[in-house]
PDB file of N, CA and C in Angstrom:
ATOM      1  N   MET A   1      -2.544   3.128   8.724  1.00  0.00           N
ATOM      2  CA  MET A   1      -3.216   1.877   8.439  1.00  0.00           C
ATOM      3  C   MET A   1      -2.284   0.693   8.637  1.00  0.00           C
ATOM      4  N   GLY A   2      -1.015   0.909   8.425  1.00  0.00           N
ATOM      5  CA  GLY A   2      -0.073  -0.175   8.615  1.00  0.00           C
ATOM      6  C   GLY A   2       0.185  -0.495  10.077  1.00  0.00           C
ATOM      7  N   LEU A   3      -0.138   0.429  10.948  1.00  0.00           N
ATOM      8  CA  LEU A   3       0.091   0.214  12.370  1.00  0.00           C
ATOM      9  C   LEU A   3      -1.103  -0.410  13.087  1.00  0.00           C
ATOM     10  N   VAL A   4      -2.299  -0.145  12.589  1.00  0.00           N
ATOM     11  CA  VAL A   4      -3.520  -0.650  13.221  1.00  0.00           C
ATOM     12  C   VAL A   4      -4.178  -1.640  12.274  1.00  0.00           C
ATOM     13  N   ASN A   5      -4.205  -2.906  12.648  1.00  0.00           N
ATOM     14  CA  ASN A   5      -4.828  -3.939  11.813  1.00  0.00           C
ATOM     15  C   ASN A   5      -6.304  -4.049  12.156  1.00  0.00           C
ATOM     16  N   LEU A   6      -7.151  -3.779  11.172  1.00  0.00           N
ATOM     17  CA  LEU A   6      -8.592  -3.905  11.333  1.00  0.00           C
ATOM     18  C   LEU A   6      -9.110  -4.943  10.347  1.00  0.00           C
ATOM     19  N   PRO A   7     -10.277  -5.537  10.608  1.00  0.00           N
ATOM     20  CA  PRO A   7     -10.803  -6.582   9.729  1.00  0.00           C
ATOM     21  C   PRO A   7     -11.033  -6.116   8.293  1.00  0.00           C
ATOM     22  N   THR A   8     -11.424  -4.854   8.099  1.00  0.00           N
ATOM     23  CA  THR A   8     -11.644  -4.318   6.759  1.00  0.00           C
ATOM     24  C   THR A   8     -10.975  -2.957   6.639  1.00  0.00           C
ATOM     25  N   VAL A   9     -10.726  -2.548   5.413  1.00  0.00           N
ATOM     26  CA  VAL A   9     -10.136  -1.237   5.172  1.00  0.00           C
ATOM     27  C   VAL A   9     -11.116  -0.149   5.604  1.00  0.00           C
ATOM     28  N   GLU A  10     -12.392  -0.359   5.349  1.00  0.00           N
ATOM     29  CA  GLU A  10     -13.408   0.624   5.713  1.00  0.00           C
ATOM     30  C   GLU A  10     -13.474   0.841   7.221  1.00  0.00           C
ATOM     31  N   GLY A  11     -12.984  -0.102   7.996  1.00  0.00           N
ATOM     32  CA  GLY A  11     -12.977   0.018   9.449  1.00  0.00           C
ATOM     33  C   GLY A  11     -12.176   1.206   9.948  1.00  0.00           C
ATOM     34  N   HIS A  12     -11.235   1.674   9.150  1.00  0.00           N
ATOM     35  CA  HIS A  12     -10.432   2.820   9.556  1.00  0.00           C
ATOM     36  C   HIS A  12     -11.254   4.102   9.585  1.00  0.00           C
ATOM     37  N   TRP A  13     -12.400   4.102   8.924  1.00  0.00           N
ATOM     38  CA  TRP A  13     -13.288   5.262   8.917  1.00  0.00           C
ATOM     39  C   TRP A  13     -14.528   5.013   9.780  1.00  0.00           C
ATOM     40  N   SER A  14     -14.537   3.948  10.540  1.00  0.00           N
ATOM     41  CA  SER A  14     -15.676   3.610  11.382  1.00  0.00           C
ATOM     42  C   SER A  14     -15.841   4.630  12.502  1.00  0.00           C
ATOM     43  N   THR A  15     -17.106   4.843  12.891  1.00  0.00           N
ATOM     44  CA  THR A  15     -17.381   5.768  13.988  1.00  0.00           C
ATOM     45  C   THR A  15     -17.815   5.025  15.237  1.00  0.00           C
ATOM     46  N   THR A  16     -17.858   3.697  15.188  1.00  0.00           N
ATOM     47  CA  THR A  16     -18.282   2.915  16.350  1.00  0.00           C
ATOM     48  C   THR A  16     -17.072   2.425  17.126  1.00  0.00           C
ATOM     49  N   TRP A  17     -17.235   2.351  18.427  1.00  0.00           N
ATOM     50  CA  TRP A  17     -16.178   1.855  19.291  1.00  0.00           C
ATOM     51  C   TRP A  17     -16.054   0.358  19.118  1.00  0.00           C
ATOM     52  N   PRO A  18     -14.952  -0.286  19.119  1.00  0.00           N
ATOM     53  CA  PRO A  18     -13.584   0.167  19.383  1.00  0.00           C
ATOM     54  C   PRO A  18     -12.822   0.532  18.121  1.00  0.00           C
ATOM     55  N   TYR A  19     -13.487   0.537  16.983  1.00  0.00           N
ATOM     56  CA  TYR A  19     -12.780   0.777  15.727  1.00  0.00           C
ATOM     57  C   TYR A  19     -12.684   2.237  15.343  1.00  0.00           C
ATOM     58  N   SER A  20     -13.289   3.106  16.088  1.00  0.00           N
ATOM     59  CA  SER A  20     -13.297   4.519  15.692  1.00  0.00           C
ATOM     60  C   SER A  20     -11.874   5.080  15.705  1.00  0.00           C
ATOM     61  N   SER A  21     -11.509   5.650  14.604  1.00  0.00           N
ATOM     62  CA  SER A  21     -10.194   6.257  14.451  1.00  0.00           C
ATOM     63  C   SER A  21     -10.374   7.544  13.670  1.00  0.00           C
ATOM     64  N   LEU A  22     -10.168   8.649  14.298  1.00  0.00           N
ATOM     65  CA  LEU A  22     -10.390   9.928  13.633  1.00  0.00           C
ATOM     66  C   LEU A  22      -9.227  10.328  12.732  1.00  0.00           C
ATOM     67  N   ALA A  23      -8.087   9.683  12.860  1.00  0.00           N
ATOM     68  CA  ALA A  23      -6.905  10.074  12.092  1.00  0.00           C
ATOM     69  C   ALA A  23      -7.123   9.905  10.587  1.00  0.00           C
ATOM     70  N   CYS A  24      -7.631   8.767  10.151  1.00  0.00           N
ATOM     71  CA  CYS A  24      -7.836   8.536   8.717  1.00  0.00           C
ATOM     72  C   CYS A  24      -8.889   9.470   8.155  1.00  0.00           C
ATOM     73  N   SER A  25      -9.979   9.659   8.867  1.00  0.00           N
ATOM     74  CA  SER A  25     -11.064  10.489   8.350  1.00  0.00           C
ATOM     75  C   SER A  25     -10.673  11.961   8.263  1.00  0.00           C
ATOM     76  N   LYS A  26      -9.729  12.393   9.074  1.00  0.00           N
ATOM     77  CA  LYS A  26      -9.268  13.782   8.997  1.00  0.00           C
ATOM     78  C   LYS A  26      -8.336  14.003   7.810  1.00  0.00           C
ATOM     79  N   VAL A  27      -7.604  12.979   7.420  1.00  0.00           N
ATOM     80  CA  VAL A  27      -6.630  13.112   6.344  1.00  0.00           C
ATOM     81  C   VAL A  27      -7.272  12.908   4.975  1.00  0.00           C
ATOM     82  N   LEU A  28      -8.125  11.891   4.857  1.00  0.00           N
ATOM     83  CA  LEU A  28      -8.677  11.509   3.561  1.00  0.00           C
ATOM     84  C   LEU A  28     -10.036  10.865   3.760  1.00  0.00           C
ATOM     85  N   LYS A  29     -10.994  11.283   2.967  1.00  0.00           N
ATOM     86  CA  LYS A  29     -12.342  10.703   3.053  1.00  0.00           C
ATOM     87  C   LYS A  29     -12.328   9.278   2.493  1.00  0.00           C
ATOM     88  N   ARG A  30     -13.189   8.420   3.043  1.00  0.00           N
ATOM     89  CA  ARG A  30     -13.236   7.009   2.656  1.00  0.00           C
ATOM     90  C   ARG A  30     -13.520   6.832   1.168  1.00  0.00           C
ATOM     91  N   ASP A  31     -14.472   7.579   0.622  1.00  0.00           N
ATOM     92  CA  ASP A  31     -14.818   7.439  -0.792  1.00  0.00           C
ATOM     93  C   ASP A  31     -13.666   7.846  -1.703  1.00  0.00           C
ATOM     94  N   ARG A  32     -12.935   8.866  -1.312  1.00  0.00           N
ATOM     95  CA  ARG A  32     -11.777   9.304  -2.096  1.00  0.00           C
ATOM     96  C   ARG A  32     -10.681   8.246  -2.068  1.00  0.00           C
ATOM     97  N   PHE A  33     -10.434   7.673  -0.903  1.00  0.00           N
ATOM     98  CA  PHE A  33      -9.447   6.604  -0.770  1.00  0.00           C
ATOM     99  C   PHE A  33      -9.844   5.410  -1.639  1.00  0.00           C
ATOM    100  N   SER A  34     -11.128   5.045  -1.632  1.00  0.00           N
ATOM    101  CA  SER A  34     -11.615   3.916  -2.436  1.00  0.00           C
ATOM    102  C   SER A  34     -11.403   4.162  -3.921  1.00  0.00           C
ATOM    103  N   LEU A  35     -11.655   5.379  -4.382  1.00  0.00           N
ATOM    104  CA  LEU A  35     -11.441   5.695  -5.799  1.00  0.00           C
ATOM    105  C   LEU A  35      -9.971   5.609  -6.180  1.00  0.00           C
ATOM    106  N   ILE A  36      -9.115   6.119  -5.323  1.00  0.00           N
ATOM    107  CA  ILE A  36      -7.677   6.048  -5.602  1.00  0.00           C
ATOM    108  C   ILE A  36      -7.226   4.596  -5.677  1.00  0.00           C
ATOM    109  N   MET A  37      -7.659   3.770  -4.735  1.00  0.00           N
ATOM    110  CA  MET A  37      -7.278   2.357  -4.738  1.00  0.00           C
ATOM    111  C   MET A  37      -7.858   1.610  -5.944  1.00  0.00           C
ATOM    112  N   LYS A  38      -9.020   2.026  -6.396  1.00  0.00           N
ATOM    113  CA  LYS A  38      -9.674   1.372  -7.526  1.00  0.00           C
ATOM    114  C   LYS A  38      -8.927   1.618  -8.833  1.00  0.00           C
ATOM    115  N   PHE A  39      -8.441   2.846  -9.026  1.00  0.00           N
ATOM    116  CA  PHE A  39      -7.853   3.213 -10.304  1.00  0.00           C
ATOM    117  C   PHE A  39      -6.331   3.243 -10.319  1.00  0.00           C
ATOM    118  N   LEU A  40      -5.689   3.015  -9.199  1.00  0.00           N
ATOM    119  CA  LEU A  40      -4.238   3.035  -9.148  1.00  0.00           C
ATOM    120  C   LEU A  40      -3.687   1.633  -9.411  1.00  0.00           C
ATOM    121  N   HIS A  41      -3.156   1.432 -10.601  1.00  0.00           N
ATOM    122  CA  HIS A  41      -2.555   0.149 -10.973  1.00  0.00           C
ATOM    123  C   HIS A  41      -1.151   0.419 -11.498  1.00  0.00           C
ATOM    124  N   LEU A  42      -0.182  -0.254 -10.932  1.00  0.00           N
ATOM    125  CA  LEU A  42       1.203  -0.056 -11.340  1.00  0.00           C
ATOM    126  C   LEU A  42       1.771  -1.244 -12.093  1.00  0.00           C
ATOM    127  N   ASN A  43       1.075  -2.369 -12.103  1.00  0.00           N
ATOM    128  CA  ASN A  43       1.593  -3.573 -12.737  1.00  0.00           C
ATOM    129  C   ASN A  43       0.447  -4.369 -13.334  1.00  0.00           C
ATOM    130  N   ASP A  44       0.752  -5.269 -14.253  1.00  0.00           N
ATOM    131  CA  ASP A  44      -0.244  -6.084 -14.944  1.00  0.00           C
ATOM    132  C   ASP A  44      -0.678  -7.245 -14.055  1.00  0.00           C
ATOM    133  N   ASN A  45      -1.942  -7.285 -13.682  1.00  0.00           N
ATOM    134  CA  ASN A  45      -2.446  -8.333 -12.799  1.00  0.00           C
ATOM    135  C   ASN A  45      -2.483  -9.704 -13.456  1.00  0.00           C
ATOM    136  N   SER A  46      -2.481  -9.767 -14.794  1.00  0.00           N
ATOM    137  CA  SER A  46      -2.542 -11.069 -15.466  1.00  0.00           C
ATOM    138  C   SER A  46      -1.231 -11.843 -15.307  1.00  0.00           C
ATOM    139  N   CYS A  47      -0.145 -11.173 -14.974  1.00  0.00           N
ATOM    140  CA  CYS A  47       1.151 -11.829 -14.778  1.00  0.00           C
ATOM    141  C   CYS A  47       1.452 -12.108 -13.309  1.00  0.00           C
ATOM    142  N   TYR A  48       0.521 -11.791 -12.441  1.00  0.00           N
ATOM    143  CA  TYR A  48       0.708 -11.960 -10.996  1.00  0.00           C
ATOM    144  C   TYR A  48       0.829 -13.439 -10.628  1.00  0.00           C
ATOM    145  N   ILE A  49       1.824 -13.777  -9.827  1.00  0.00           N
ATOM    146  CA  ILE A  49       2.010 -15.151  -9.344  1.00  0.00           C
ATOM    147  C   ILE A  49       1.361 -15.242  -7.967  1.00  0.00           C
ATOM    148  N   PRO A  50       0.370 -16.124  -7.811  1.00  0.00           N
ATOM    149  CA  PRO A  50      -0.370 -16.202  -6.542  1.00  0.00           C
ATOM    150  C   PRO A  50       0.507 -16.599  -5.359  1.00  0.00           C
ATOM    151  N   LYS A  51       0.028 -16.245  -4.180  1.00  0.00           N
ATOM    152  CA  LYS A  51       0.717 -16.569  -2.934  1.00  0.00           C
ATOM    153  C   LYS A  51       0.846 -18.083  -2.797  1.00  0.00           C
ATOM    154  N   GLY A  52       2.001 -18.530  -2.372  1.00  0.00           N
ATOM    155  CA  GLY A  52       2.258 -19.958  -2.210  1.00  0.00           C
ATOM    156  C   GLY A  52       2.913 -20.597  -3.426  1.00  0.00           C
ATOM    157  N   GLN A  53       2.939 -19.904  -4.547  1.00  0.00           N
ATOM    158  CA  GLN A  53       3.562 -20.402  -5.772  1.00  0.00           C
ATOM    159  C   GLN A  53       5.023 -19.949  -5.809  1.00  0.00           C
ATOM    160  N   PRO A  54       5.905 -20.738  -6.449  1.00  0.00           N
ATOM    161  CA  PRO A  54       7.301 -20.306  -6.583  1.00  0.00           C
ATOM    162  C   PRO A  54       7.386 -19.019  -7.401  1.00  0.00           C
ATOM    163  N   GLY A  55       8.172 -18.078  -6.947  1.00  0.00           N
ATOM    164  CA  GLY A  55       8.336 -16.816  -7.648  1.00  0.00           C
ATOM    165  C   GLY A  55       7.361 -15.736  -7.214  1.00  0.00           C
ATOM    166  N   HIS A  56       6.562 -16.010  -6.182  1.00  0.00           N
ATOM    167  CA  HIS A  56       5.603 -15.012  -5.692  1.00  0.00           C
ATOM    168  C   HIS A  56       6.345 -13.827  -5.094  1.00  0.00           C
ATOM    169  N   ASP A  57       5.912 -12.629  -5.454  1.00  0.00           N
ATOM    170  CA  ASP A  57       6.513 -11.397  -4.952  1.00  0.00           C
ATOM    171  C   ASP A  57       5.429 -10.621  -4.218  1.00  0.00           C
ATOM    172  N   ARG A  58       5.594 -10.430  -2.915  1.00  0.00           N
ATOM    173  CA  ARG A  58       4.589  -9.721  -2.132  1.00  0.00           C
ATOM    174  C   ARG A  58       4.432  -8.273  -2.583  1.00  0.00           C
ATOM    175  N   LEU A  59       5.475  -7.715  -3.160  1.00  0.00           N
ATOM    176  CA  LEU A  59       5.432  -6.325  -3.602  1.00  0.00           C
ATOM    177  C   LEU A  59       5.276  -6.205  -5.119  1.00  0.00           C
ATOM    178  N   TYR A  60       4.723  -7.224  -5.761  1.00  0.00           N
ATOM    179  CA  TYR A  60       4.584  -7.262  -7.217  1.00  0.00           C
ATOM    180  C   TYR A  60       3.880  -6.025  -7.770  1.00  0.00           C
ATOM    181  N   LYS A  61       2.790  -5.635  -7.164  1.00  0.00           N
ATOM    182  CA  LYS A  61       2.008  -4.526  -7.694  1.00  0.00           C
ATOM    183  C   LYS A  61       2.723  -3.192  -7.561  1.00  0.00           C
ATOM    184  N   LEU A  62       3.677  -3.085  -6.652  1.00  0.00           N
ATOM    185  CA  LEU A  62       4.433  -1.849  -6.460  1.00  0.00           C
ATOM    186  C   LEU A  62       5.816  -1.884  -7.093  1.00  0.00           C
ATOM    187  N   ARG A  63       6.204  -3.021  -7.637  1.00  0.00           N
ATOM    188  CA  ARG A  63       7.560  -3.202  -8.154  1.00  0.00           C
ATOM    189  C   ARG A  63       7.968  -2.150  -9.187  1.00  0.00           C
ATOM    190  N   PRO A  64       7.100  -1.743 -10.153  1.00  0.00           N
ATOM    191  CA  PRO A  64       7.525  -0.721 -11.117  1.00  0.00           C
ATOM    192  C   PRO A  64       7.855   0.625 -10.470  1.00  0.00           C
ATOM    193  N   LEU A  65       7.309   0.898  -9.317  1.00  0.00           N
ATOM    194  CA  LEU A  65       7.620   2.129  -8.599  1.00  0.00           C
ATOM    195  C   LEU A  65       8.835   1.949  -7.694  1.00  0.00           C
ATOM    196  N   LEU A  66       8.931   0.800  -7.049  1.00  0.00           N
ATOM    197  CA  LEU A  66       9.997   0.569  -6.074  1.00  0.00           C
ATOM    198  C   LEU A  66      11.379   0.416  -6.703  1.00  0.00           C
ATOM    199  N   ASP A  67      11.484  -0.346  -7.794  1.00  0.00           N
ATOM    200  CA  ASP A  67      12.802  -0.610  -8.382  1.00  0.00           C
ATOM    201  C   ASP A  67      13.530   0.666  -8.805  1.00  0.00           C
ATOM    202  N   PRO A  68      12.917   1.562  -9.574  1.00  0.00           N
ATOM    203  CA  PRO A  68      13.640   2.806  -9.915  1.00  0.00           C
ATOM    204  C   PRO A  68      13.896   3.692  -8.698  1.00  0.00           C
ATOM    205  N   LEU A  69      12.970   3.685  -7.761  1.00  0.00           N
ATOM    206  CA  LEU A  69      13.139   4.494  -6.560  1.00  0.00           C
ATOM    207  C   LEU A  69      14.337   4.023  -5.747  1.00  0.00           C
ATOM    208  N   ILE A  70      14.453   2.727  -5.546  1.00  0.00           N
ATOM    209  CA  ILE A  70      15.590   2.162  -4.807  1.00  0.00           C
ATOM    210  C   ILE A  70      16.897   2.414  -5.549  1.00  0.00           C
ATOM    211  N   ALA A  71      16.877   2.260  -6.881  1.00  0.00           N
ATOM    212  CA  ALA A  71      18.090   2.510  -7.676  1.00  0.00           C
ATOM    213  C   ALA A  71      18.526   3.967  -7.556  1.00  0.00           C
ATOM    214  N   ASN A  72      17.583   4.894  -7.574  1.00  0.00           N
ATOM    215  CA  ASN A  72      17.924   6.312  -7.435  1.00  0.00           C
ATOM    216  C   ASN A  72      18.460   6.626  -6.046  1.00  0.00           C
ATOM    217  N   PHE A  73      17.870   6.019  -5.024  1.00  0.00           N
ATOM    218  CA  PHE A  73      18.373   6.224  -3.666  1.00  0.00           C
ATOM    219  C   PHE A  73      19.799   5.704  -3.530  1.00  0.00           C
ATOM    220  N   GLN A  74      20.058   4.533  -4.089  1.00  0.00           N
ATOM    221  CA  GLN A  74      21.393   3.948  -3.986  1.00  0.00           C
ATOM    222  C   GLN A  74      22.415   4.753  -4.778  1.00  0.00           C
ATOM    223  N   ALA A  75      22.013   5.325  -5.896  1.00  0.00           N
ATOM    224  CA  ALA A  75      22.940   6.105  -6.720  1.00  0.00           C
ATOM    225  C   ALA A  75      23.256   7.465  -6.095  1.00  0.00           C
ATOM    226  N   SER A  76      22.328   8.024  -5.354  1.00  0.00           N
ATOM    227  CA  SER A  76      22.530   9.373  -4.850  1.00  0.00           C
ATOM    228  C   SER A  76      23.021   9.445  -3.413  1.00  0.00           C
ATOM    229  N   TYR A  77      23.066   8.331  -2.714  1.00  0.00           N
ATOM    230  CA  TYR A  77      23.497   8.350  -1.329  1.00  0.00           C
ATOM    231  C   TYR A  77      24.530   7.263  -1.087  1.00  0.00           C
ATOM    232  N   THR A  78      25.658   7.652  -0.535  1.00  0.00           N
ATOM    233  CA  THR A  78      26.727   6.707  -0.231  1.00  0.00           C
ATOM    234  C   THR A  78      26.935   6.682   1.273  1.00  0.00           C
ATOM    235  N   LEU A  79      26.936   5.501   1.829  1.00  0.00           N
ATOM    236  CA  LEU A  79      27.155   5.367   3.265  1.00  0.00           C
ATOM    237  C   LEU A  79      28.618   5.613   3.605  1.00  0.00           C
ATOM    238  N   HIS A  80      28.823   6.273   4.713  1.00  0.00           N
ATOM    239  CA  HIS A  80      30.176   6.539   5.199  1.00  0.00           C
ATOM    240  C   HIS A  80      30.332   5.897   6.567  1.00  0.00           C
ATOM    241  N   ARG A  81      31.569   5.756   6.977  1.00  0.00           N
ATOM    242  CA  ARG A  81      31.844   5.192   8.310  1.00  0.00           C
ATOM    243  C   ARG A  81      31.320   6.061   9.382  1.00  0.00           C
TER     244      ARG A  81
END
């Protein structure tokens, strides 16, 4: 989905040309994807800073998952020459 930009998310499951893409429909059904997106919340939306405002974070909703993940990656892997 990150590689193919379509007007709507549902377009990835479209069967009409030119939007037909069988890759998404083979991996995950549209209704299942919608349910996961509906109930998956990682951060409090009431504290969200809107786009264009100072302090806006594009990854705000994923930040509770990303920060510990990045810290663990940095702690367990050291770059060498």
